[in-house]
Structures are given as C-alpha cells and as structure tokens.
C-alpha atoms as a PDB file:
ATOM      1  CA  MET A   1      46.273 -82.327 -25.958  1.00  0.00           C
ATOM      2  CA  LEU A   2      43.023 -82.693 -27.848  1.00  0.00           C
ATOM      3  CA  ASP A   3      41.962 -80.165 -30.470  1.00  0.00           C
ATOM      4  CA  PHE A   4      39.784 -77.518 -28.830  1.00  0.00           C
ATOM      5  CA  PRO A   5      36.562 -78.578 -30.643  1.00  0.00           C
ATOM      6  CA  ASP A   6      37.010 -82.030 -29.028  1.00  0.00           C
ATOM      7  CA  TRP A   7      37.153 -80.686 -25.462  1.00  0.00           C
ATOM      8  CA  LYS A   8      34.205 -81.745 -23.302  1.00  0.00           C
ATOM      9  CA  ILE A   9      32.860 -81.537 -19.786  1.00  0.00           C
ATOM     10  CA  MET A  10      32.211 -84.954 -18.239  1.00  0.00           C
ATOM     11  CA  LYS A  11      29.514 -85.275 -15.618  1.00  0.00           C
ATOM     12  CA  GLU A  12      29.545 -88.354 -13.391  1.00  0.00           C
ATOM     13  CA  ILE A  13      26.405 -88.766 -11.319  1.00  0.00           C
ATOM     14  CA  ASN A  14      27.232 -90.925  -8.323  1.00  0.00           C
ATOM     15  CA  ILE A  15      24.084 -92.780  -7.287  1.00  0.00           C
ATOM     16  CA  VAL A  16      24.087 -92.993  -3.493  1.00  0.00           C
ATOM     17  CA  SER A  17      22.024 -95.539  -1.568  1.00  0.00           C
ATOM     18  CA  GLN A  18      22.329 -97.349   1.744  1.00  0.00           C
ATOM     19  CA  ASN A  19      23.719-100.821   2.269  1.00  0.00           C
ATOM     20  CA  SER A  20      22.192-103.331   4.678  1.00  0.00           C
ATOM     21  CA  TYR A  21      24.125-101.709   7.558  1.00  0.00           C
ATOM     22  CA  GLY A  22      22.650 -98.276   6.890  1.00  0.00           C
ATOM     23  CA  GLN A  23      25.886 -96.885   5.463  1.00  0.00           C
ATOM     24  CA  GLU A  24      25.728 -94.587   2.457  1.00  0.00           C
ATOM     25  CA  ILE A  25      27.475 -96.087  -0.548  1.00  0.00           C
ATOM     26  CA  VAL A  26      27.797 -95.340  -4.247  1.00  0.00           C
ATOM     27  CA  ILE A  27      25.957 -98.150  -6.022  1.00  0.00           C
ATOM     28  CA  GLY A  28      26.541 -96.911  -9.550  1.00  0.00           C
ATOM     29  CA  VAL A  29      27.556 -94.060 -11.811  1.00  0.00           C
ATOM     30  CA  ILE A  30      25.833 -92.481 -14.795  1.00  0.00           C
ATOM     31  CA  ALA A  31      28.284 -90.532 -16.942  1.00  0.00           C
ATOM     32  CA  TYR A  32      27.771 -88.159 -19.837  1.00  0.00           C
ATOM     33  CA  LEU A  33      29.694 -85.661 -21.934  1.00  0.00           C
ATOM     34  CA  ARG A  34      28.687 -82.094 -22.736  1.00  0.00           C
ATOM     35  CA  ASN A  35      30.143 -79.948 -25.484  1.00  0.00           C
ATOM     36  CA  ILE A  36      31.887 -76.760 -24.449  1.00  0.00           C
ATOM     37  CA  HIS A  37      30.436 -73.628 -26.066  1.00  0.00           C
ATOM     38  CA  ARG A  38      29.965 -69.931 -25.317  1.00  0.00           C
ATOM     39  CA  ASP A  39      27.217 -70.565 -22.736  1.00  0.00           C
ATOM     40  CA  TYR A  40      28.668 -73.766 -21.259  1.00  0.00           C
ATOM     41  CA  TYR A  41      32.302 -73.599 -20.191  1.00  0.00           C
ATOM     42  CA  LEU A  42      34.638 -73.811 -17.199  1.00  0.00           C
ATOM     43  CA  GLN A  43      34.612 -70.544 -15.231  1.00  0.00           C
ATOM     44  CA  GLN A  44      37.808 -68.648 -14.367  1.00  0.00           C
ATOM     45  CA  ASP A  45      39.257 -69.348 -10.934  1.00  0.00           C
ATOM     46  CA  THR A  46      39.541 -66.091  -8.995  1.00  0.00           C
ATOM     47  CA  GLU A  47      41.753 -67.574  -6.244  1.00  0.00           C
ATOM     48  CA  PRO A  48      44.590 -65.012  -5.900  1.00  0.00           C
ATOM     49  CA  ASP A  49      47.120 -67.528  -4.561  1.00  0.00           C
ATOM     50  CA  LYS A  50      48.574 -69.363  -7.579  1.00  0.00           C
ATOM     51  CA  PHE A  51      49.688 -72.321  -5.459  1.00  0.00           C
ATOM     52  CA  LEU A  52      46.225 -72.829  -3.948  1.00  0.00           C
ATOM     53  CA  ARG A  53      44.635 -72.374  -7.353  1.00  0.00           C
ATOM     54  CA  LEU A  54      46.806 -75.137  -8.856  1.00  0.00           C
ATOM     55  CA  LEU A  55      46.361 -77.368  -5.818  1.00  0.00           C
ATOM     56  CA  GLU A  56      42.599 -77.601  -6.254  1.00  0.00           C
ATOM     57  CA  TYR A  57      42.265 -76.899  -9.983  1.00  0.00           C
ATOM     58  CA  PRO A  58      39.690 -77.115 -11.307  1.00  0.00           C
ATOM     59  CA  LYS A  59      37.269 -76.621  -8.421  1.00  0.00           C
ATOM     60  CA  GLN A  60      33.906 -78.301  -8.836  1.00  0.00           C
ATOM     61  CA  GLU A  61      32.043 -74.997  -8.509  1.00  0.00           C
ATOM     62  CA  LEU A  62      33.837 -73.690 -11.620  1.00  0.00           C
ATOM     63  CA  PHE A  63      32.179 -76.250 -13.879  1.00  0.00           C
ATOM     64  CA  PRO A  64      29.093 -75.270 -15.849  1.00  0.00           C
ATOM     65  CA  LYS A  65      25.634 -76.457 -14.916  1.00  0.00           C
ATOM     66  CA  ASP A  66      22.422 -75.684 -16.758  1.00  0.00           C
ATOM     67  CA  PHE A  67      18.761 -76.703 -16.748  1.00  0.00           C
ATOM     68  CA  LEU A  68      19.549 -79.928 -18.663  1.00  0.00           C
ATOM     69  CA  ASP A  69      22.034 -81.026 -15.993  1.00  0.00           C
ATOM     70  CA  ASP A  70      19.472 -80.138 -13.322  1.00  0.00           C
ATOM     71  CA  ILE A  71      16.728 -82.198 -14.978  1.00  0.00           C
ATOM     72  CA  ILE A  72      18.978 -85.255 -15.221  1.00  0.00           C
ATOM     73  CA  LEU A  73      20.329 -84.989 -11.662  1.00  0.00           C
ATOM     74  CA  ASN A  74      16.905 -84.254 -10.151  1.00  0.00           C
ATOM     75  CA  ALA A  75      15.437 -87.303 -11.911  1.00  0.00           C
ATOM     76  CA  ILE A  76      18.014 -89.482 -10.164  1.00  0.00           C
ATOM     77  CA  LYS A  77      17.697 -87.647  -6.844  1.00  0.00           C
ATOM     78  CA  GLU A  78      13.961 -88.361  -6.882  1.00  0.00           C
ATOM     79  CA  ASN A  79      14.853 -91.995  -6.038  1.00  0.00           C
ATOM     80  CA  TYR A  80      18.326 -91.463  -4.562  1.00  0.00           C
ATOM     81  CA  PRO A  81      18.333 -88.040  -2.829  1.00  0.00           C
ATOM     82  CA  LYS A  82      21.968 -88.203  -1.673  1.00  0.00           C
ATOM     83  CA  SER A  83      23.298 -88.627  -5.219  1.00  0.00           C
ATOM     84  CA  TYR A  84      25.793 -86.045  -6.436  1.00  0.00           C
ATOM     85  CA  VAL A  85      27.748 -84.939  -9.516  1.00  0.00           C
ATOM     86  CA  ARG A  86      31.490 -85.029 -10.013  1.00  0.00           C
ATOM     87  CA  ASN A  87      32.755 -82.971 -12.986  1.00  0.00           C
ATOM     88  CA  SER A  88      35.918 -83.236 -15.007  1.00  0.00           C
ATOM     89  CA  GLU A  89      37.322 -81.573 -18.077  1.00  0.00           C
ATOM     90  CA  ILE A  90      38.169 -83.766 -21.050  1.00  0.00           C
ATOM     91  CA  SER A  91      40.989 -81.971 -22.859  1.00  0.00           C
ATOM     92  CA  PHE A  92      43.959 -84.391 -22.912  1.00  0.00           C
ATOM     93  CA  ASP A  93      44.498 -87.828 -24.427  1.00  0.00           C
ATOM     94  CA  SER A  94      44.813 -89.201 -20.894  1.00  0.00           C
ATOM     95  CA  ASP A  95      41.274 -87.976 -20.179  1.00  0.00           C
ATOM     96  CA  LEU A  96      40.031 -90.241 -22.968  1.00  0.00           C
ATOM     97  CA  GLU A  97      41.732 -93.118 -21.161  1.00  0.00           C
ATOM     98  CA  LYS A  98      39.815 -92.167 -18.019  1.00  0.00           C
ATOM     99  CA  ILE A  99      36.563 -92.517 -19.968  1.00  0.00           C
ATOM    100  CA  LYS A 100      37.630 -95.969 -21.187  1.00  0.00           C
ATOM    101  CA  ILE A 101      38.377 -97.075 -17.630  1.00  0.00           C
ATOM    102  CA  ILE A 102      35.091 -95.724 -16.249  1.00  0.00           C
ATOM    103  CA  THR A 103      33.087 -97.478 -18.961  1.00  0.00           C
ATOM    104  CA  LYS A 104      34.860-100.851 -18.681  1.00  0.00           C
ATOM    105  CA  VAL A 105      33.158-101.830 -15.427  1.00  0.00           C
ATOM    106  CA  PRO A 106      29.980-103.923 -15.651  1.00  0.00           C
ATOM    107  CA  SER A 107      26.850-101.907 -16.306  1.00  0.00           C
ATOM    108  CA  GLN A 108      23.105-102.198 -16.564  1.00  0.00           C
ATOM    109  CA  VAL A 109      20.851-100.197 -18.855  1.00  0.00           C
ATOM    110  CA  GLY A 110      18.363 -97.924 -17.148  1.00  0.00           C
ATOM    111  CA  LYS A 111      15.921 -95.407 -18.573  1.00  0.00           C
ATOM    112  CA  LEU A 112      15.574 -91.660 -18.279  1.00  0.00           C
ATOM    113  CA  GLU A 113      12.141 -90.332 -19.139  1.00  0.00           C
ATOM    114  CA  VAL A 114      11.679 -86.576 -19.462  1.00  0.00           C
ATOM    115  CA  ARG A 115       8.156 -85.208 -19.492  1.00  0.00           C
ATOM    116  CA  PRO A 116       6.649 -81.733 -19.287  1.00  0.00           C
ATOM    117  CA  ASN A 117       5.329 -80.268 -16.047  1.00  0.00           C
ATOM    118  CA  PHE A 118       1.595 -79.715 -16.461  1.00  0.00           C
ATOM    119  CA  THR A 119       1.130 -77.956 -13.092  1.00  0.00           C
ATOM    120  CA  ASN A 120       0.493 -74.450 -14.466  1.00  0.00           C
ATOM    121  CA  VAL A 121      -1.164 -75.552 -17.703  1.00  0.00           C
ATOM    122  CA  ASN A 122      -4.888 -75.349 -18.435  1.00  0.00           C
ATOM    123  CA  LEU A 123      -5.476 -79.063 -18.991  1.00  0.00           C
ATOM    124  CA  SER A 124      -8.882 -78.515 -20.616  1.00  0.00           C
ATOM    125  CA  LYS A 125      -7.066 -76.931 -23.585  1.00  0.00           C
ATOM    126  CA  LEU A 126      -4.952 -80.062 -24.000  1.00  0.00           C
ATOM    127  CA  VAL A 127      -7.764 -82.595 -24.363  1.00  0.00           C
ATOM    128  CA  GLY A 128      -7.213 -84.655 -27.503  1.00  0.00           C
ATOM    129  CA  GLU A 129      -3.611 -83.501 -27.966  1.00  0.00           C
ATOM    130  CA  LYS A 130      -0.817 -86.002 -28.321  1.00  0.00           C
ATOM    131  CA  PHE A 131       2.315 -85.660 -26.171  1.00  0.00           C
ATOM    132  CA  ASN A 132       5.764 -87.035 -26.702  1.00  0.00           C
ATOM    133  CA  PHE A 133       7.946 -87.854 -23.747  1.00  0.00           C
ATOM    134  CA  LEU A 134      11.658 -88.298 -24.225  1.00  0.00           C
ATOM    135  CA  ILE A 135      13.010 -91.695 -23.170  1.00  0.00           C
ATOM    136  CA  LYS A 136      16.774 -92.322 -23.215  1.00  0.00           C
ATOM    137  CA  ASP A 137      18.805 -95.388 -22.364  1.00  0.00           C
ATOM    138  CA  LEU A 138      21.373 -94.789 -19.630  1.00  0.00           C
ATOM    139  CA  ASN A 139      24.285 -97.031 -18.773  1.00  0.00           C
ATOM    140  CA  ILE A 140      24.587 -97.344 -15.017  1.00  0.00           C
ATOM    141  CA  TYR A 141      28.129 -98.433 -14.198  1.00  0.00           C
ATOM    142  CA  GLN A 142      28.203-100.871 -11.313  1.00  0.00           C
ATOM    143  CA  HIS A 143      29.940 -99.937  -8.067  1.00  0.00           C
ATOM    144  CA  PHE A 144      28.046-102.346  -5.792  1.00  0.00           C
ATOM    145  CA  THR A 145      25.868-105.340  -6.669  1.00  0.00           C
ATOM    146  CA  VAL A 146      24.252-105.810 -10.055  1.00  0.00           C
ATOM    147  CA  ASP A 147      20.837-106.029  -8.376  1.00  0.00           C
ATOM    148  CA  SER A 148      21.326-102.573  -6.865  1.00  0.00           C
ATOM    149  CA  ILE A 149      21.371-100.968 -10.337  1.00  0.00           C
ATOM    150  CA  LYS A 150      19.197-103.347 -12.358  1.00  0.00           C
ATOM    151  CA  GLY A 151      15.929-102.122 -13.884  1.00  0.00           C
ATOM    152  CA  LYS A 152      16.200 -98.457 -12.908  1.00  0.00           C
ATOM    153  CA  TYR A 153      13.775 -95.948 -14.390  1.00  0.00           C
ATOM    154  CA  PHE A 154      14.211 -92.236 -13.689  1.00  0.00           C
ATOM    155  CA  THR A 155      11.687 -89.528 -14.520  1.00  0.00           C
ATOM    156  CA  GLY A 156      12.693 -85.910 -15.083  1.00  0.00           C
ATOM    157  CA  ILE A 157      10.336 -82.982 -15.342  1.00  0.00           C
ATOM    158  CA  CYS A 158      10.811 -79.997 -17.637  1.00  0.00           C
ATOM    159  CA  ASP A 159       9.022 -76.721 -18.242  1.00  0.00           C
ATOM    160  CA  TYR A 160       5.974 -77.302 -20.455  1.00  0.00           C
ATOM    161  CA  GLU A 161       6.840 -74.316 -22.660  1.00  0.00           C
ATOM    162  CA  LYS A 162      10.424 -75.514 -23.172  1.00  0.00           C
ATOM    163  CA  GLN A 163       9.842 -79.229 -23.715  1.00  0.00           C
ATOM    164  CA  GLU A 164      11.044 -79.311 -27.326  1.00  0.00           C
ATOM    165  CA  GLU A 165      14.182 -77.346 -26.422  1.00  0.00           C
ATOM    166  CA  VAL A 166      14.823 -79.717 -23.506  1.00  0.00           C
ATOM    167  CA  TYR A 167      14.305 -82.857 -25.603  1.00  0.00           C
ATOM    168  CA  GLU A 168      16.623 -81.490 -28.294  1.00  0.00           C
ATOM    169  CA  GLY A 169      19.271 -80.567 -25.708  1.00  0.00           C
ATOM    170  CA  ILE A 170      19.178 -83.942 -23.975  1.00  0.00           C
ATOM    171  CA  ASN A 171      19.408 -85.714 -27.320  1.00  0.00           C
ATOM    172  CA  GLU A 172      22.643 -83.779 -27.982  1.00  0.00           C
ATOM    173  CA  ILE A 173      24.201 -85.092 -24.756  1.00  0.00           C
ATOM    174  CA  GLU A 174      26.563 -88.034 -25.174  1.00  0.00           C
ATOM    175  CA  PHE A 175      25.638 -90.554 -22.493  1.00  0.00           C
ATOM    176  CA  LEU A 176      28.499 -92.975 -21.904  1.00  0.00           C
END
C-alpha cells in the first residue's frame, strides 16, 4: 500500500464519438490525478449490506468532483457531448501499474484552454486590460484511429471572479 500522502484520485475522461456506422465509440482517454485532501476525498458508502458494498466498491458517485473537474469535462463535452468520467482510487502499488498500462498506448497531444466567462462583466471597464488564458497540454490516449484524436483543442470556461484560483488549481493537477 502507498503512503497516505501519495494516495490520489484518478479521473479518466472517455472521449465518445461516432464511427462511420453511427455507433458510439470511445476514441481516446484523457487521464489526470488529483490529490486527496480535506475537501476532495472519497465519500463513505452508506450501503447497509456489507456484501453489496464490497461488490460495487467504490461506487462512482462516491468519488469527489469539484468545479475544476467540471471545467475540464465540460470543455471536452463541448465537442464530444457523450463523453464521461471514470474514477479510480490510487492507493496500492498495483494502481501505479494501472497508470503505466493506461499511458503506454499511443497518444496525441491536445490542448486545454481555460478562459474567463465575460457574460456578466461590464466590458467597458476592461478596455485596455490584458488577460491571461490558461493553456495546458493534454495527452489523449488512443482507443481508435490516430486521426480521431489528432489536433484536438478544448476550451473551458471559468467564473471571471475566480479565474486565478481556477488557473492555479488546474496547474496543480497532474495530467498523465
């Protein structure tokens, strides 16, 4: 077992598209690790039946999700609306092996841009100001053809008032 400070939550975003026959398929996966802390941790399972609890442990709904996860997933869903997240806990040495296996498949580098939402902002007060948008490289691990994941650019939107907090938080995420 890993030391507790090394425990993580792994998020795998499965990018869902359609093949030439109209079938939904996963064309690639974007994976990242989040640190566990007092506001971001696996919830307790309240299932009273111990057998059922162990059978499905841990349930996906028990994993944490915050505004950073939402920004990243929504950026991908903007282009691929059927995409979804699969969570797992990284707490054992074997979990590190899982990461190695996931990241050994061919990949392409895409981009995640995060920019503030200016919808409720008085734009006349912003004239002449300089804005920084966060741009991160993302490895997209191939599950279909290389062309299906090549050259992808995703744009996420964050609250104007929280942009620095969002940029800082996303920079702390370990994209695999």
